Amino acid sequence: MLKLLRDLPDNVVGVRAIGEVDDDDYEDVLSPAIEDRLARHEKIRLLYVLGEEFTGYSDGAAWEDVKLGAKTFNSYDRMAIVTDSASVRRTIKAFGWLIPGEVRVFHLEEIVAATVWITD
């Protein structure tokens, strides 16, 4: 599931992944939040936290991620990915350069630094 993070500036969408993320999480939580922010801002920022309780993505979620990424590809000014998952960190470091805007990966213990960076 995806849970929206509160108390962030209006141009920042923050989410925490808990358990397995499925396609409904994209359709019901992440996509509407991003579309809402893009209605008011040309560029937005994304804070995505994959904590210890995150277990993975369903096949449907992976497809929704691809669709959302294609739809909003040039819409991000910055992305902060917060995770201790070695595979996620490797993937972001390998392919993050393909994403327009600035992408940084933070460890879970750096959540405060990630939040400061994404809101600065």
PDB file of N, CA and C in Angstrom:
ATOM      1  N   MET A   1       0.835  -1.181   0.000  1.00  0.00           N
ATOM      2  CA  MET A   1       0.000   0.000   0.000  1.00  0.00           C
ATOM      3  C   MET A   1       0.875   1.239   0.000  1.00  0.00           C
ATOM      4  N   LEU A   2       0.354   2.313  -0.539  1.00  0.00           N
ATOM      5  CA  LEU A   2       1.016   3.610  -0.515  1.00  0.00           C
ATOM      6  C   LEU A   2       0.239   4.531   0.399  1.00  0.00           C
ATOM      7  N   LYS A   3       0.964   5.202   1.264  1.00  0.00           N
ATOM      8  CA  LYS A   3       0.361   6.150   2.191  1.00  0.00           C
ATOM      9  C   LYS A   3       0.972   7.520   1.923  1.00  0.00           C
ATOM     10  N   LEU A   4       0.102   8.525   1.713  1.00  0.00           N
ATOM     11  CA  LEU A   4       0.593   9.882   1.485  1.00  0.00           C
ATOM     12  C   LEU A   4       1.234  10.447   2.741  1.00  0.00           C
ATOM     13  N   LEU A   5       2.343  11.139   2.572  1.00  0.00           N
ATOM     14  CA  LEU A   5       3.011  11.830   3.671  1.00  0.00           C
ATOM     15  C   LEU A   5       2.448  13.240   3.750  1.00  0.00           C
ATOM     16  N   ARG A   6       2.200  13.692   4.925  1.00  0.00           N
ATOM     17  CA  ARG A   6       1.596  15.012   5.153  1.00  0.00           C
ATOM     18  C   ARG A   6       2.659  16.048   5.481  1.00  0.00           C
ATOM     19  N   ASP A   7       2.223  17.287   5.577  1.00  0.00           N
ATOM     20  CA  ASP A   7       3.053  18.411   6.002  1.00  0.00           C
ATOM     21  C   ASP A   7       4.250  18.660   5.095  1.00  0.00           C
ATOM     22  N   LEU A   8       4.014  18.540   3.786  1.00  0.00           N
ATOM     23  CA  LEU A   8       5.034  18.861   2.802  1.00  0.00           C
ATOM     24  C   LEU A   8       4.540  20.058   1.988  1.00  0.00           C
ATOM     25  N   PRO A   9       5.459  20.808   1.380  1.00  0.00           N
ATOM     26  CA  PRO A   9       5.025  21.924   0.535  1.00  0.00           C
ATOM     27  C   PRO A   9       4.091  21.437  -0.577  1.00  0.00           C
ATOM     28  N   ASP A  10       3.308  22.338  -1.126  1.00  0.00           N
ATOM     29  CA  ASP A  10       2.296  21.973  -2.115  1.00  0.00           C
ATOM     30  C   ASP A  10       2.884  21.371  -3.384  1.00  0.00           C
ATOM     31  N   ASN A  11       4.131  21.685  -3.709  1.00  0.00           N
ATOM     32  CA  ASN A  11       4.738  21.144  -4.924  1.00  0.00           C
ATOM     33  C   ASN A  11       5.431  19.794  -4.704  1.00  0.00           C
ATOM     34  N   VAL A  12       5.268  19.227  -3.525  1.00  0.00           N
ATOM     35  CA  VAL A  12       5.912  17.950  -3.196  1.00  0.00           C
ATOM     36  C   VAL A  12       4.856  16.888  -2.911  1.00  0.00           C
ATOM     37  N   VAL A  13       4.995  15.757  -3.595  1.00  0.00           N
ATOM     38  CA  VAL A  13       4.194  14.581  -3.286  1.00  0.00           C
ATOM     39  C   VAL A  13       5.101  13.631  -2.522  1.00  0.00           C
ATOM     40  N   GLY A  14       4.659  13.232  -1.333  1.00  0.00           N
ATOM     41  CA  GLY A  14       5.419  12.295  -0.527  1.00  0.00           C
ATOM     42  C   GLY A  14       4.592  11.045  -0.268  1.00  0.00           C
ATOM     43  N   VAL A  15       5.199   9.878  -0.468  1.00  0.00           N
ATOM     44  CA  VAL A  15       4.514   8.616  -0.203  1.00  0.00           C
ATOM     45  C   VAL A  15       5.448   7.655   0.517  1.00  0.00           C
ATOM     46  N   ARG A  16       4.826   6.792   1.317  1.00  0.00           N
ATOM     47  CA  ARG A  16       5.548   5.713   1.996  1.00  0.00           C
ATOM     48  C   ARG A  16       4.932   4.399   1.526  1.00  0.00           C
ATOM     49  N   ALA A  17       5.788   3.496   1.059  1.00  0.00           N
ATOM     50  CA  ALA A  17       5.342   2.171   0.634  1.00  0.00           C
ATOM     51  C   ALA A  17       5.359   1.244   1.846  1.00  0.00           C
ATOM     52  N   ILE A  18       4.221   0.577   2.065  1.00  0.00           N
ATOM     53  CA  ILE A  18       4.061  -0.333   3.195  1.00  0.00           C
ATOM     54  C   ILE A  18       3.556  -1.673   2.649  1.00  0.00           C
ATOM     55  N   GLY A  19       4.229  -2.753   2.997  1.00  0.00           N
ATOM     56  CA  GLY A  19       3.822  -4.060   2.493  1.00  0.00           C
ATOM     57  C   GLY A  19       4.013  -4.123   0.996  1.00  0.00           C
ATOM     58  N   GLU A  20       3.063  -4.782   0.315  1.00  0.00           N
ATOM     59  CA  GLU A  20       3.132  -4.861  -1.143  1.00  0.00           C
ATOM     60  C   GLU A  20       2.359  -3.709  -1.763  1.00  0.00           C
ATOM     61  N   VAL A  21       2.969  -3.054  -2.739  1.00  0.00           N
ATOM     62  CA  VAL A  21       2.317  -1.985  -3.483  1.00  0.00           C
ATOM     63  C   VAL A  21       1.655  -2.625  -4.695  1.00  0.00           C
ATOM     64  N   ASP A  22       0.359  -2.329  -4.898  1.00  0.00           N
ATOM     65  CA  ASP A  22      -0.338  -2.904  -6.045  1.00  0.00           C
ATOM     66  C   ASP A  22      -0.888  -1.801  -6.950  1.00  0.00           C
ATOM     67  N   ASP A  23      -1.526  -2.200  -8.037  1.00  0.00           N
ATOM     68  CA  ASP A  23      -2.003  -1.233  -9.021  1.00  0.00           C
ATOM     69  C   ASP A  23      -3.037  -0.271  -8.447  1.00  0.00           C
ATOM     70  N   ASP A  24      -3.849  -0.726  -7.499  1.00  0.00           N
ATOM     71  CA  ASP A  24      -4.825   0.170  -6.877  1.00  0.00           C
ATOM     72  C   ASP A  24      -4.154   1.317  -6.141  1.00  0.00           C
ATOM     73  N   ASP A  25      -2.970   1.077  -5.589  1.00  0.00           N
ATOM     74  CA  ASP A  25      -2.245   2.141  -4.890  1.00  0.00           C
ATOM     75  C   ASP A  25      -1.862   3.264  -5.851  1.00  0.00           C
ATOM     76  N   TYR A  26      -1.480   2.901  -7.048  1.00  0.00           N
ATOM     77  CA  TYR A  26      -1.170   3.915  -8.059  1.00  0.00           C
ATOM     78  C   TYR A  26      -2.432   4.648  -8.484  1.00  0.00           C
ATOM     79  N   GLU A  27      -3.481   3.890  -8.777  1.00  0.00           N
ATOM     80  CA  GLU A  27      -4.729   4.478  -9.273  1.00  0.00           C
ATOM     81  C   GLU A  27      -5.446   5.318  -8.218  1.00  0.00           C
ATOM     82  N   ASP A  28      -5.398   4.892  -6.948  1.00  0.00           N
ATOM     83  CA  ASP A  28      -6.165   5.553  -5.888  1.00  0.00           C
ATOM     84  C   ASP A  28      -5.371   6.569  -5.074  1.00  0.00           C
ATOM     85  N   VAL A  29      -4.048   6.437  -5.040  1.00  0.00           N
ATOM     86  CA  VAL A  29      -3.238   7.287  -4.160  1.00  0.00           C
ATOM     87  C   VAL A  29      -2.237   8.142  -4.944  1.00  0.00           C
ATOM     88  N   LEU A  30      -1.285   7.490  -5.600  1.00  0.00           N
ATOM     89  CA  LEU A  30      -0.174   8.231  -6.188  1.00  0.00           C
ATOM     90  C   LEU A  30      -0.579   9.061  -7.406  1.00  0.00           C
ATOM     91  N   SER A  31      -1.246   8.460  -8.362  1.00  0.00           N
ATOM     92  CA  SER A  31      -1.637   9.206  -9.568  1.00  0.00           C
ATOM     93  C   SER A  31      -2.510  10.422  -9.249  1.00  0.00           C
ATOM     94  N   PRO A  32      -3.557  10.276  -8.421  1.00  0.00           N
ATOM     95  CA  PRO A  32      -4.362  11.464  -8.100  1.00  0.00           C
ATOM     96  C   PRO A  32      -3.562  12.560  -7.393  1.00  0.00           C
ATOM     97  N   ALA A  33      -2.641  12.171  -6.516  1.00  0.00           N
ATOM     98  CA  ALA A  33      -1.833  13.175  -5.810  1.00  0.00           C
ATOM     99  C   ALA A  33      -0.931  13.924  -6.790  1.00  0.00           C
ATOM    100  N   ILE A  34      -0.323  13.192  -7.711  1.00  0.00           N
ATOM    101  CA  ILE A  34       0.549  13.826  -8.701  1.00  0.00           C
ATOM    102  C   ILE A  34      -0.264  14.721  -9.629  1.00  0.00           C
ATOM    103  N   GLU A  35      -1.388  14.233 -10.114  1.00  0.00           N
ATOM    104  CA  GLU A  35      -2.236  15.039 -11.001  1.00  0.00           C
ATOM    105  C   GLU A  35      -2.733  16.299 -10.295  1.00  0.00           C
ATOM    106  N   ASP A  36      -3.072  16.179  -9.021  1.00  0.00           N
ATOM    107  CA  ASP A  36      -3.516  17.335  -8.244  1.00  0.00           C
ATOM    108  C   ASP A  36      -2.424  18.395  -8.185  1.00  0.00           C
ATOM    109  N   ARG A  37      -1.192  17.984  -7.896  1.00  0.00           N
ATOM    110  CA  ARG A  37      -0.081  18.943  -7.801  1.00  0.00           C
ATOM    111  C   ARG A  37       0.248  19.550  -9.157  1.00  0.00           C
ATOM    112  N   LEU A  38       0.195  18.717 -10.205  1.00  0.00           N
ATOM    113  CA  LEU A  38       0.508  19.228 -11.541  1.00  0.00           C
ATOM    114  C   LEU A  38      -0.535  20.208 -12.051  1.00  0.00           C
ATOM    115  N   ALA A  39      -1.717  20.172 -11.496  1.00  0.00           N
ATOM    116  CA  ALA A  39      -2.744  21.150 -11.869  1.00  0.00           C
ATOM    117  C   ALA A  39      -2.354  22.549 -11.376  1.00  0.00           C
ATOM    118  N   ARG A  40      -1.476  22.605 -10.366  1.00  0.00           N
ATOM    119  CA  ARG A  40      -1.075  23.888  -9.776  1.00  0.00           C
ATOM    120  C   ARG A  40       0.392  24.256 -10.005  1.00  0.00           C
ATOM    121  N   HIS A  41       1.190  23.298 -10.419  1.00  0.00           N
ATOM    122  CA  HIS A  41       2.628  23.531 -10.569  1.00  0.00           C
ATOM    123  C   HIS A  41       3.124  22.928 -11.877  1.00  0.00           C
ATOM    124  N   GLU A  42       4.005  23.653 -12.552  1.00  0.00           N
ATOM    125  CA  GLU A  42       4.578  23.135 -13.801  1.00  0.00           C
ATOM    126  C   GLU A  42       5.481  21.937 -13.532  1.00  0.00           C
ATOM    127  N   LYS A  43       6.273  22.013 -12.464  1.00  0.00           N
ATOM    128  CA  LYS A  43       7.182  20.939 -12.048  1.00  0.00           C
ATOM    129  C   LYS A  43       6.886  20.610 -10.589  1.00  0.00           C
ATOM    130  N   ILE A  44       6.984  19.335 -10.264  1.00  0.00           N
ATOM    131  CA  ILE A  44       6.772  18.915  -8.880  1.00  0.00           C
ATOM    132  C   ILE A  44       7.954  18.087  -8.412  1.00  0.00           C
ATOM    133  N   ARG A  45       7.920  17.747  -7.144  1.00  0.00           N
ATOM    134  CA  ARG A  45       8.961  16.927  -6.533  1.00  0.00           C
ATOM    135  C   ARG A  45       8.319  15.714  -5.889  1.00  0.00           C
ATOM    136  N   LEU A  46       9.075  14.624  -5.837  1.00  0.00           N
ATOM    137  CA  LEU A  46       8.556  13.372  -5.296  1.00  0.00           C
ATOM    138  C   LEU A  46       9.483  12.847  -4.218  1.00  0.00           C
ATOM    139  N   LEU A  47       8.924  12.568  -3.055  1.00  0.00           N
ATOM    140  CA  LEU A  47       9.623  11.910  -1.956  1.00  0.00           C
ATOM    141  C   LEU A  47       8.999  10.525  -1.818  1.00  0.00           C
ATOM    142  N   TYR A  48       9.770   9.486  -2.105  1.00  0.00           N
ATOM    143  CA  TYR A  48       9.255   8.123  -2.123  1.00  0.00           C
ATOM    144  C   TYR A  48      10.040   7.311  -1.093  1.00  0.00           C
ATOM    145  N   VAL A  49       9.361   6.871  -0.041  1.00  0.00           N
ATOM    146  CA  VAL A  49      10.004   6.150   1.054  1.00  0.00           C
ATOM    147  C   VAL A  49       9.633   4.672   0.969  1.00  0.00           C
ATOM    148  N   LEU A  50      10.644   3.833   0.822  1.00  0.00           N
ATOM    149  CA  LEU A  50      10.476   2.378   0.801  1.00  0.00           C
ATOM    150  C   LEU A  50      11.123   1.857   2.081  1.00  0.00           C
ATOM    151  N   GLY A  51      10.339   1.834   3.154  1.00  0.00           N
ATOM    152  CA  GLY A  51      10.861   1.479   4.462  1.00  0.00           C
ATOM    153  C   GLY A  51      11.013  -0.018   4.667  1.00  0.00           C
ATOM    154  N   GLU A  52      11.351  -0.377   5.873  1.00  0.00           N
ATOM    155  CA  GLU A  52      11.568  -1.784   6.223  1.00  0.00           C
ATOM    156  C   GLU A  52      10.317  -2.626   6.013  1.00  0.00           C
ATOM    157  N   GLU A  53       9.142  -2.000   6.124  1.00  0.00           N
ATOM    158  CA  GLU A  53       7.890  -2.738   5.982  1.00  0.00           C
ATOM    159  C   GLU A  53       7.495  -2.954   4.516  1.00  0.00           C
ATOM    160  N   PHE A  54       8.235  -2.362   3.568  1.00  0.00           N
ATOM    161  CA  PHE A  54       7.972  -2.541   2.139  1.00  0.00           C
ATOM    162  C   PHE A  54       8.414  -3.939   1.723  1.00  0.00           C
ATOM    163  N   THR A  55       7.509  -4.656   1.019  1.00  0.00           N
ATOM    164  CA  THR A  55       7.834  -6.031   0.593  1.00  0.00           C
ATOM    165  C   THR A  55       7.957  -6.183  -0.912  1.00  0.00           C
ATOM    166  N   GLY A  56       7.495  -5.218  -1.690  1.00  0.00           N
ATOM    167  CA  GLY A  56       7.658  -5.312  -3.135  1.00  0.00           C
ATOM    168  C   GLY A  56       6.465  -4.773  -3.889  1.00  0.00           C
ATOM    169  N   TYR A  57       6.509  -4.942  -5.202  1.00  0.00           N
ATOM    170  CA  TYR A  57       5.467  -4.469  -6.110  1.00  0.00           C
ATOM    171  C   TYR A  57       4.772  -5.661  -6.760  1.00  0.00           C
ATOM    172  N   SER A  58       3.471  -5.554  -6.916  1.00  0.00           N
ATOM    173  CA  SER A  58       2.742  -6.548  -7.702  1.00  0.00           C
ATOM    174  C   SER A  58       3.041  -6.281  -9.181  1.00  0.00           C
ATOM    175  N   ASP A  59       2.728  -7.244 -10.038  1.00  0.00           N
ATOM    176  CA  ASP A  59       2.916  -7.042 -11.473  1.00  0.00           C
ATOM    177  C   ASP A  59       2.091  -5.851 -11.958  1.00  0.00           C
ATOM    178  N   GLY A  60       0.882  -5.724 -11.433  1.00  0.00           N
ATOM    179  CA  GLY A  60       0.018  -4.601 -11.817  1.00  0.00           C
ATOM    180  C   GLY A  60       0.611  -3.271 -11.419  1.00  0.00           C
ATOM    181  N   ALA A  61       1.257  -3.213 -10.259  1.00  0.00           N
ATOM    182  CA  ALA A  61       1.880  -1.967  -9.803  1.00  0.00           C
ATOM    183  C   ALA A  61       3.042  -1.592 -10.708  1.00  0.00           C
ATOM    184  N   ALA A  62       3.803  -2.579 -11.123  1.00  0.00           N
ATOM    185  CA  ALA A  62       4.929  -2.304 -12.016  1.00  0.00           C
ATOM    186  C   ALA A  62       4.429  -1.683 -13.324  1.00  0.00           C
ATOM    187  N   TRP A  63       3.337  -2.207 -13.850  1.00  0.00           N
ATOM    188  CA  TRP A  63       2.760  -1.669 -15.076  1.00  0.00           C
ATOM    189  C   TRP A  63       2.234  -0.250 -14.847  1.00  0.00           C
ATOM    190  N   GLU A  64       1.551  -0.012 -13.727  1.00  0.00           N
ATOM    191  CA  GLU A  64       1.048   1.328 -13.412  1.00  0.00           C
ATOM    192  C   GLU A  64       2.198   2.316 -13.256  1.00  0.00           C
ATOM    193  N   ASP A  65       3.317   1.866 -12.711  1.00  0.00           N
ATOM    194  CA  ASP A  65       4.482   2.717 -12.557  1.00  0.00           C
ATOM    195  C   ASP A  65       5.010   3.148 -13.921  1.00  0.00           C
ATOM    196  N   VAL A  66       5.071   2.210 -14.853  1.00  0.00           N
ATOM    197  CA  VAL A  66       5.519   2.523 -16.210  1.00  0.00           C
ATOM    198  C   VAL A  66       4.571   3.530 -16.859  1.00  0.00           C
ATOM    199  N   LYS A  67       3.277   3.302 -16.742  1.00  0.00           N
ATOM    200  CA  LYS A  67       2.291   4.212 -17.336  1.00  0.00           C
ATOM    201  C   LYS A  67       2.382   5.602 -16.726  1.00  0.00           C
ATOM    202  N   LEU A  68       2.472   5.677 -15.392  1.00  0.00           N
ATOM    203  CA  LEU A  68       2.562   6.973 -14.722  1.00  0.00           C
ATOM    204  C   LEU A  68       3.848   7.682 -15.113  1.00  0.00           C
ATOM    205  N   GLY A  69       4.937   6.935 -15.163  1.00  0.00           N
ATOM    206  CA  GLY A  69       6.212   7.528 -15.550  1.00  0.00           C
ATOM    207  C   GLY A  69       6.186   8.107 -16.955  1.00  0.00           C
ATOM    208  N   ALA A  70       5.560   7.393 -17.880  1.00  0.00           N
ATOM    209  CA  ALA A  70       5.457   7.881 -19.257  1.00  0.00           C
ATOM    210  C   ALA A  70       4.584   9.136 -19.332  1.00  0.00           C
ATOM    211  N   LYS A  71       3.518   9.143 -18.568  1.00  0.00           N
ATOM    212  CA  LYS A  71       2.573  10.263 -18.591  1.00  0.00           C
ATOM    213  C   LYS A  71       3.163  11.531 -17.967  1.00  0.00           C
ATOM    214  N   THR A  72       3.978  11.368 -16.941  1.00  0.00           N
ATOM    215  CA  THR A  72       4.493  12.514 -16.182  1.00  0.00           C
ATOM    216  C   THR A  72       6.012  12.656 -16.307  1.00  0.00           C
ATOM    217  N   PHE A  73       6.593  12.087 -17.335  1.00  0.00           N
ATOM    218  CA  PHE A  73       8.042  11.972 -17.485  1.00  0.00           C
ATOM    219  C   PHE A  73       8.793  13.280 -17.243  1.00  0.00           C
ATOM    220  N   ASN A  74       8.355  14.367 -17.830  1.00  0.00           N
ATOM    221  CA  ASN A  74       9.055  15.652 -17.715  1.00  0.00           C
ATOM    222  C   ASN A  74       8.513  16.546 -16.609  1.00  0.00           C
ATOM    223  N   SER A  75       7.753  15.998 -15.697  1.00  0.00           N
ATOM    224  CA  SER A  75       7.052  16.804 -14.696  1.00  0.00           C
ATOM    225  C   SER A  75       7.796  16.967 -13.377  1.00  0.00           C
ATOM    226  N   TYR A  76       8.948  16.323 -13.236  1.00  0.00           N
ATOM    227  CA  TYR A  76       9.631  16.320 -11.941  1.00  0.00           C
ATOM    228  C   TYR A  76      10.872  17.190 -11.950  1.00  0.00           C
ATOM    229  N   ASP A  77      10.976  18.006 -10.925  1.00  0.00           N
ATOM    230  CA  ASP A  77      12.143  18.845 -10.696  1.00  0.00           C
ATOM    231  C   ASP A  77      13.187  18.050  -9.906  1.00  0.00           C
ATOM    232  N   ARG A  78      12.695  17.326  -8.903  1.00  0.00           N
ATOM    233  CA  ARG A  78      13.559  16.492  -8.044  1.00  0.00           C
ATOM    234  C   ARG A  78      12.794  15.258  -7.594  1.00  0.00           C
ATOM    235  N   MET A  79      13.554  14.175  -7.374  1.00  0.00           N
ATOM    236  CA  MET A  79      13.009  12.968  -6.756  1.00  0.00           C
ATOM    237  C   MET A  79      13.989  12.500  -5.691  1.00  0.00           C
ATOM    238  N   ALA A  80      13.435  12.197  -4.523  1.00  0.00           N
ATOM    239  CA  ALA A  80      14.233  11.617  -3.446  1.00  0.00           C
ATOM    240  C   ALA A  80      13.654  10.238  -3.163  1.00  0.00           C
ATOM    241  N   ILE A  81      14.484   9.223  -3.323  1.00  0.00           N
ATOM    242  CA  ILE A  81      14.086   7.856  -3.034  1.00  0.00           C
ATOM    243  C   ILE A  81      14.802   7.463  -1.752  1.00  0.00           C
ATOM    244  N   VAL A  82      14.037   7.042  -0.741  1.00  0.00           N
ATOM    245  CA  VAL A  82      14.601   6.700   0.565  1.00  0.00           C
ATOM    246  C   VAL A  82      14.402   5.212   0.784  1.00  0.00           C
ATOM    247  N   THR A  83      15.516   4.477   0.826  1.00  0.00           N
ATOM    248  CA  THR A  83      15.440   3.030   0.970  1.00  0.00           C
ATOM    249  C   THR A  83      16.786   2.451   1.373  1.00  0.00           C
ATOM    250  N   ASP A  84      16.743   1.314   2.030  1.00  0.00           N
ATOM    251  CA  ASP A  84      17.943   0.540   2.306  1.00  0.00           C
ATOM    252  C   ASP A  84      18.006  -0.694   1.411  1.00  0.00           C
ATOM    253  N   SER A  85      17.021  -0.861   0.529  1.00  0.00           N
ATOM    254  CA  SER A  85      17.000  -1.997  -0.386  1.00  0.00           C
ATOM    255  C   SER A  85      18.146  -1.871  -1.389  1.00  0.00           C
ATOM    256  N   ALA A  86      19.057  -2.823  -1.351  1.00  0.00           N
ATOM    257  CA  ALA A  86      20.212  -2.782  -2.249  1.00  0.00           C
ATOM    258  C   ALA A  86      19.778  -2.847  -3.710  1.00  0.00           C
ATOM    259  N   SER A  87      18.773  -3.646  -4.017  1.00  0.00           N
ATOM    260  CA  SER A  87      18.347  -3.777  -5.412  1.00  0.00           C
ATOM    261  C   SER A  87      17.705  -2.487  -5.922  1.00  0.00           C
ATOM    262  N   VAL A  88      16.904  -1.840  -5.090  1.00  0.00           N
ATOM    263  CA  VAL A  88      16.293  -0.569  -5.498  1.00  0.00           C
ATOM    264  C   VAL A  88      17.376   0.486  -5.662  1.00  0.00           C
ATOM    265  N   ARG A  89      18.308   0.545  -4.739  1.00  0.00           N
ATOM    266  CA  ARG A  89      19.389   1.529  -4.810  1.00  0.00           C
ATOM    267  C   ARG A  89      20.213   1.332  -6.087  1.00  0.00           C
ATOM    268  N   ARG A  90      20.531   0.078  -6.420  1.00  0.00           N
ATOM    269  CA  ARG A  90      21.291  -0.212  -7.644  1.00  0.00           C
ATOM    270  C   ARG A  90      20.506   0.208  -8.889  1.00  0.00           C
ATOM    271  N   THR A  91      19.218  -0.103  -8.898  1.00  0.00           N
ATOM    272  CA  THR A  91      18.386   0.240 -10.055  1.00  0.00           C
ATOM    273  C   THR A  91      18.332   1.747 -10.265  1.00  0.00           C
ATOM    274  N   ILE A  92      18.123   2.494  -9.186  1.00  0.00           N
ATOM    275  CA  ILE A  92      18.058   3.962  -9.290  1.00  0.00           C
ATOM    276  C   ILE A  92      19.405   4.517  -9.734  1.00  0.00           C
ATOM    277  N   LYS A  93      20.478   3.995  -9.182  1.00  0.00           N
ATOM    278  CA  LYS A  93      21.800   4.494  -9.577  1.00  0.00           C
ATOM    279  C   LYS A  93      22.117   4.149 -11.024  1.00  0.00           C
ATOM    280  N   ALA A  94      21.638   3.011 -11.506  1.00  0.00           N
ATOM    281  CA  ALA A  94      21.904   2.603 -12.881  1.00  0.00           C
ATOM    282  C   ALA A  94      21.064   3.376 -13.888  1.00  0.00           C
ATOM    283  N   PHE A  95      19.794   3.639 -13.539  1.00  0.00           N
ATOM    284  CA  PHE A  95      18.876   4.233 -14.507  1.00  0.00           C
ATOM    285  C   PHE A  95      18.379   5.628 -14.145  1.00  0.00           C
ATOM    286  N   GLY A  96      18.767   6.147 -12.989  1.00  0.00           N
ATOM    287  CA  GLY A  96      18.304   7.463 -12.560  1.00  0.00           C
ATOM    288  C   GLY A  96      18.683   8.581 -13.507  1.00  0.00           C
ATOM    289  N   TRP A  97      19.783   8.414 -14.211  1.00  0.00           N
ATOM    290  CA  TRP A  97      20.229   9.445 -15.143  1.00  0.00           C
ATOM    291  C   TRP A  97      19.256   9.613 -16.311  1.00  0.00           C
ATOM    292  N   LEU A  98      18.423   8.618 -16.548  1.00  0.00           N
ATOM    293  CA  LEU A  98      17.436   8.707 -17.628  1.00  0.00           C
ATOM    294  C   LEU A  98      16.264   9.619 -17.282  1.00  0.00           C
ATOM    295  N   ILE A  99      16.083   9.878 -15.995  1.00  0.00           N
ATOM    296  CA  ILE A  99      14.942  10.663 -15.524  1.00  0.00           C
ATOM    297  C   ILE A  99      15.298  12.144 -15.549  1.00  0.00           C
ATOM    298  N   PRO A 100      14.486  12.952 -16.257  1.00  0.00           N
ATOM    299  CA  PRO A 100      14.748  14.398 -16.224  1.00  0.00           C
ATOM    300  C   PRO A 100      14.627  14.919 -14.784  1.00  0.00           C
ATOM    301  N   GLY A 101      15.401  15.900 -14.460  1.00  0.00           N
ATOM    302  CA  GLY A 101      15.398  16.414 -13.092  1.00  0.00           C
ATOM    303  C   GLY A 101      16.459  15.700 -12.281  1.00  0.00           C
ATOM    304  N   GLU A 102      16.569  16.118 -11.052  1.00  0.00           N
ATOM    305  CA  GLU A 102      17.593  15.585 -10.163  1.00  0.00           C
ATOM    306  C   GLU A 102      17.027  14.440  -9.331  1.00  0.00           C
ATOM    307  N   VAL A 103      17.757  13.331  -9.278  1.00  0.00           N
ATOM    308  CA  VAL A 103      17.334  12.164  -8.509  1.00  0.00           C
ATOM    309  C   VAL A 103      18.432  11.830  -7.510  1.00  0.00           C
ATOM    310  N   ARG A 104      18.037  11.669  -6.264  1.00  0.00           N
ATOM    311  CA  ARG A 104      18.988  11.251  -5.219  1.00  0.00           C
ATOM    312  C   ARG A 104      18.394  10.095  -4.440  1.00  0.00           C
ATOM    313  N   VAL A 105      19.289   9.207  -4.009  1.00  0.00           N
ATOM    314  CA  VAL A 105      18.888   8.059  -3.201  1.00  0.00           C
ATOM    315  C   VAL A 105      19.462   8.252  -1.800  1.00  0.00           C
ATOM    316  N   PHE A 106      18.607   8.052  -0.805  1.00  0.00           N
ATOM    317  CA  PHE A 106      18.988   8.217   0.598  1.00  0.00           C
ATOM    318  C   PHE A 106      18.741   6.907   1.339  1.00  0.00           C
ATOM    319  N   HIS A 107      19.529   6.656   2.361  1.00  0.00           N
ATOM    320  CA  HIS A 107      19.268   5.529   3.267  1.00  0.00           C
ATOM    321  C   HIS A 107      18.123   5.904   4.205  1.00  0.00           C
ATOM    322  N   LEU A 108      17.476   4.917   4.780  1.00  0.00           N
ATOM    323  CA  LEU A 108      16.353   5.159   5.694  1.00  0.00           C
ATOM    324  C   LEU A 108      16.745   6.083   6.842  1.00  0.00           C
ATOM    325  N   GLU A 109      17.949   5.942   7.328  1.00  0.00           N
ATOM    326  CA  GLU A 109      18.393   6.794   8.439  1.00  0.00           C
ATOM    327  C   GLU A 109      18.563   8.250   8.016  1.00  0.00           C
ATOM    328  N   GLU A 110      18.503   8.506   6.709  1.00  0.00           N
ATOM    329  CA  GLU A 110      18.659   9.861   6.182  1.00  0.00           C
ATOM    330  C   GLU A 110      17.332  10.493   5.770  1.00  0.00           C
ATOM    331  N   ILE A 111      16.231  10.010   6.314  1.00  0.00           N
ATOM    332  CA  ILE A 111      14.903  10.516   5.940  1.00  0.00           C
ATOM    333  C   ILE A 111      14.786  12.028   6.170  1.00  0.00           C
ATOM    334  N   VAL A 112      15.366  12.527   7.235  1.00  0.00           N
ATOM    335  CA  VAL A 112      15.312  13.972   7.504  1.00  0.00           C
ATOM    336  C   VAL A 112      16.083  14.728   6.427  1.00  0.00           C
ATOM    337  N   ALA A 113      17.270  14.252   6.075  1.00  0.00           N
ATOM    338  CA  ALA A 113      18.066  14.899   5.026  1.00  0.00           C
ATOM    339  C   ALA A 113      17.328  14.841   3.684  1.00  0.00           C
ATOM    340  N   ALA A 114      16.685  13.742   3.386  1.00  0.00           N
ATOM    341  CA  ALA A 114      15.923  13.617   2.141  1.00  0.00           C
ATOM    342  C   ALA A 114      14.774  14.602   2.104  1.00  0.00           C
ATOM    343  N   THR A 115      14.093  14.744   3.232  1.00  0.00           N
ATOM    344  CA  THR A 115      12.971  15.666   3.317  1.00  0.00           C
ATOM    345  C   THR A 115      13.444  17.114   3.171  1.00  0.00           C
ATOM    346  N   VAL A 116      14.548  17.452   3.800  1.00  0.00           N
ATOM    347  CA  VAL A 116      15.104  18.795   3.668  1.00  0.00           C
ATOM    348  C   VAL A 116      15.500  19.053   2.221  1.00  0.00           C
ATOM    349  N   TRP A 117      16.169  18.091   1.585  1.00  0.00           N
ATOM    350  CA  TRP A 117      16.601  18.272   0.207  1.00  0.00           C
ATOM    351  C   TRP A 117      15.416  18.436  -0.742  1.00  0.00           C
ATOM    352  N   ILE A 118      14.401  17.628  -0.581  1.00  0.00           N
ATOM    353  CA  ILE A 118      13.260  17.664  -1.503  1.00  0.00           C
ATOM    354  C   ILE A 118      12.422  18.929  -1.315  1.00  0.00           C
ATOM    355  N   THR A 119      12.448  19.502  -0.130  1.00  0.00           N
ATOM    356  CA  THR A 119      11.629  20.700   0.141  1.00  0.00           C
ATOM    357  C   THR A 119      12.418  21.995   0.004  1.00  0.00           C
ATOM    358  N   ASP A 120      13.723  21.917  -0.172  1.00  0.00           N
ATOM    359  CA  ASP A 120      14.580  23.103  -0.266  1.00  0.00           C
ATOM    360  C   ASP A 120      14.383  23.826  -1.571  1.00  0.00           C
TER     361      ASP A 120
END
